[in-house]
Amino acid sequence: MGAEEARHDLWLKRLNTWIGIIAASLASVGGAYSFMPRAPGEIAAVVREQGGGPLPRAHVELLTSENVLLGASETDRRGRYVKKDLEPGSYILKVSRAAFEPQVAKVSVASKKTTELEFVMRSRSHAQAPTDLQAASTSLVQGNAIRSAIEDTGAAWIKSLGQPGR
């Protein structure tokens, strides 16, 4: 039985060697995978007016979750904004345009995924415009009244210079 035990031991050694090789290979592949960079993702946004129409040339800022500006752009004529090749993670998207209230959204980008967003921009209140216009017209009326009073005073003074005895 000595020869059979020797063959059996040899067989176990070979089997253990192959198990070790396979286990080490799997571990190295798994370890390498965890250090490989993750595939980028992207953001696709549409900016619309309250009525549903696209809002071209809206200003879009992309920031990190720590509020560091990564880039700024404008929407195209169909109100679209696309940013590709983004590392997976959290971002902030700010959208603004004159005459509209600005919008801010926190965005999560996943590897090999497109995060889709829609912004509906509300018009700024029109209550501010008439107030500013009224203030401007009030100061214009006051300025005209002052100028008119000065002109009347000057005209009266000039007339008094031409009168004898004064």
Protein backbone atom coordinates (compact mmCIF):
# COMPACT_ATOMS: atom_id res chain seq x y z
CA MET A 1 0.00 0.00 0.00
CA GLY A 2 2.92 2.31 0.15
CA ALA A 3 2.91 2.88 -3.61
CA GLU A 4 -0.83 3.60 -3.62
CA GLU A 5 -0.45 6.15 -0.83
CA ALA A 6 2.37 7.81 -2.73
CA ARG A 7 0.20 8.09 -5.88
CA HIS A 8 -2.70 9.38 -3.83
CA ASP A 9 -0.49 12.00 -2.14
CA LEU A 10 0.91 13.04 -5.52
CA TRP A 11 -2.62 13.39 -6.89
CA LEU A 12 -3.65 15.59 -3.91
CA LYS A 13 -0.58 17.78 -4.31
CA ARG A 14 -1.35 18.34 -8.00
CA LEU A 15 -5.01 19.04 -7.23
CA ASN A 16 -4.05 21.52 -4.49
CA THR A 17 -1.59 23.20 -6.85
CA TRP A 18 -4.29 23.69 -9.51
CA ILE A 19 -6.78 24.96 -6.94
CA GLY A 20 -4.16 27.46 -5.73
CA ILE A 21 -3.42 28.64 -9.29
CA ILE A 22 -7.10 29.09 -10.12
CA ALA A 23 -7.82 30.87 -6.81
CA ALA A 24 -4.87 33.23 -7.29
CA SER A 25 -5.97 34.00 -10.86
CA LEU A 26 -9.49 34.80 -9.78
CA ALA A 27 -8.24 37.00 -6.95
CA SER A 28 -5.95 38.97 -9.26
CA VAL A 29 -8.73 39.48 -11.83
CA GLY A 30 -11.13 40.60 -9.09
CA GLY A 31 -8.55 42.92 -7.59
CA ALA A 32 -7.69 44.44 -10.94
CA TYR A 33 -11.37 45.01 -11.66
CA SER A 34 -11.84 47.04 -8.49
CA PHE A 35 -8.96 49.34 -9.47
CA MET A 36 -10.13 49.86 -13.04
CA PRO A 37 -11.74 53.23 -13.63
CA ARG A 38 -15.51 53.13 -13.82
CA ALA A 39 -17.07 53.92 -17.18
CA PRO A 40 -18.36 57.49 -17.54
CA GLY A 41 -22.01 58.52 -17.60
CA GLU A 42 -23.81 61.55 -18.99
CA ILE A 43 -26.47 64.18 -18.30
CA ALA A 44 -29.18 65.05 -20.84
CA ALA A 45 -31.48 67.93 -19.91
CA VAL A 46 -34.33 69.73 -21.65
CA VAL A 47 -35.20 73.28 -20.63
CA ARG A 48 -38.76 74.47 -21.34
CA GLU A 49 -40.94 77.50 -20.71
CA GLN A 50 -44.07 77.10 -18.59
CA GLY A 51 -46.12 76.76 -21.77
CA GLY A 52 -44.08 73.70 -22.79
CA GLY A 53 -42.04 75.27 -25.58
CA PRO A 54 -38.26 74.79 -25.66
CA LEU A 55 -36.09 77.51 -24.15
CA PRO A 56 -33.03 78.08 -26.34
CA ARG A 57 -29.87 79.83 -25.10
CA ALA A 58 -30.56 79.17 -21.43
CA HIS A 59 -27.33 79.39 -19.42
CA VAL A 60 -26.38 76.04 -17.85
CA GLU A 61 -23.64 75.60 -15.23
CA LEU A 62 -22.32 72.19 -14.17
CA LEU A 63 -20.79 72.05 -10.69
CA THR A 64 -19.37 69.34 -8.47
CA SER A 65 -21.25 68.45 -5.31
CA GLU A 66 -18.75 70.77 -3.52
CA ASN A 67 -19.93 73.71 -5.70
CA VAL A 68 -16.81 73.83 -7.93
CA LEU A 69 -17.66 74.98 -11.45
CA LEU A 70 -16.79 72.34 -14.05
CA GLY A 71 -18.16 74.16 -17.07
CA ALA A 72 -20.84 76.44 -18.48
CA SER A 73 -22.82 76.18 -21.67
CA GLU A 74 -26.08 77.19 -23.33
CA THR A 75 -29.03 75.11 -24.44
CA ASP A 76 -29.44 74.58 -28.18
CA ARG A 77 -32.40 75.87 -30.20
CA ARG A 78 -34.50 72.94 -28.94
CA GLY A 79 -33.68 73.72 -25.30
CA ARG A 80 -31.36 70.73 -24.96
CA TYR A 81 -28.18 70.42 -22.91
CA VAL A 82 -25.97 67.31 -22.98
CA LYS A 83 -22.78 66.66 -21.02
CA LYS A 84 -20.94 63.40 -21.74
CA ASP A 85 -17.95 61.65 -20.19
CA LEU A 86 -18.79 62.45 -16.57
CA GLU A 87 -17.29 60.40 -13.77
CA PRO A 88 -20.03 58.65 -11.79
CA GLY A 89 -21.04 60.74 -8.77
CA SER A 90 -23.10 63.71 -7.63
CA TYR A 91 -23.30 67.03 -9.47
CA ILE A 92 -25.25 70.30 -9.34
CA LEU A 93 -26.90 71.75 -12.44
CA LYS A 94 -27.90 75.44 -12.48
CA VAL A 95 -30.09 76.81 -15.26
CA SER A 96 -30.86 80.50 -15.80
CA ARG A 97 -32.04 82.93 -18.43
CA ALA A 98 -33.10 86.57 -18.38
CA ALA A 99 -36.78 87.08 -17.48
CA PHE A 100 -36.98 83.61 -15.85
CA GLU A 101 -36.46 82.40 -12.30
CA PRO A 102 -33.23 80.33 -12.03
CA GLN A 103 -33.47 76.59 -11.35
CA VAL A 104 -31.04 74.32 -9.46
CA ALA A 105 -31.01 70.50 -9.39
CA LYS A 106 -28.82 67.91 -7.71
CA VAL A 107 -27.93 65.20 -10.21
CA SER A 108 -26.59 61.70 -9.67
CA VAL A 109 -24.61 60.23 -12.58
CA ALA A 110 -24.17 56.46 -12.82
CA SER A 111 -21.60 54.53 -14.83
CA LYS A 112 -22.69 53.90 -18.45
CA LYS A 113 -26.06 55.62 -17.81
CA THR A 114 -27.71 58.80 -19.05
CA THR A 115 -29.39 60.88 -16.35
CA GLU A 116 -32.31 62.69 -17.97
CA LEU A 117 -33.73 65.92 -16.54
CA GLU A 118 -36.40 68.43 -17.49
CA PHE A 119 -36.44 72.02 -16.27
CA VAL A 120 -39.59 74.13 -16.53
CA MET A 121 -38.64 77.78 -16.24
CA ARG A 122 -41.14 80.17 -14.66
CA SER A 123 -41.30 83.77 -15.76
CA ARG A 124 -40.21 86.28 -13.17
CA SER A 125 -43.15 88.17 -11.67
CA HIS A 126 -44.29 91.14 -13.70
CA ALA A 127 -45.08 93.01 -10.50
CA GLN A 128 -41.50 94.29 -10.34
CA ALA A 129 -41.50 95.82 -13.81
CA PRO A 130 -44.42 98.27 -13.32
CA THR A 131 -43.01 99.32 -9.93
CA ASP A 132 -39.67 100.14 -11.52
CA LEU A 133 -41.43 101.87 -14.39
CA GLN A 134 -43.60 103.87 -12.01
CA ALA A 135 -40.54 104.95 -10.01
CA ALA A 136 -38.79 106.05 -13.20
CA SER A 137 -41.81 107.97 -14.45
CA THR A 138 -42.30 109.60 -11.01
CA SER A 139 -38.72 110.85 -10.96
CA LEU A 140 -39.09 112.03 -14.57
CA VAL A 141 -42.24 114.00 -13.67
CA GLN A 142 -40.51 115.46 -10.62
CA GLY A 143 -37.50 116.41 -12.73
CA ASN A 144 -39.75 118.06 -15.33
CA ALA A 145 -41.56 120.01 -12.57
CA ILE A 146 -38.27 121.29 -11.15
CA ARG A 147 -36.98 122.25 -14.59
CA SER A 148 -40.28 124.00 -15.34
CA ALA A 149 -40.11 125.93 -12.06
CA ILE A 150 -36.54 127.03 -12.78
CA GLU A 151 -37.46 128.11 -16.30
CA ASP A 152 -40.45 130.08 -14.99
CA THR A 153 -38.27 131.76 -12.34
CA GLY A 154 -35.59 132.57 -14.91
CA ALA A 155 -38.13 133.93 -17.38
CA ALA A 156 -39.70 136.11 -14.67
CA TRP A 157 -36.26 137.41 -13.65
CA ILE A 158 -35.36 138.24 -17.28
CA LYS A 159 -38.67 140.09 -17.72
CA SER A 160 -38.01 142.04 -14.57
CA LEU A 161 -34.64 143.17 -15.95
CA GLY A 162 -36.33 144.71 -18.95
CA GLN A 163 -38.83 146.74 -16.88
CA PRO A 164 -37.82 150.30 -16.03
CA GLY A 165 -37.48 151.17 -12.42
CA ARG A 166 -36.47 147.80 -11.22
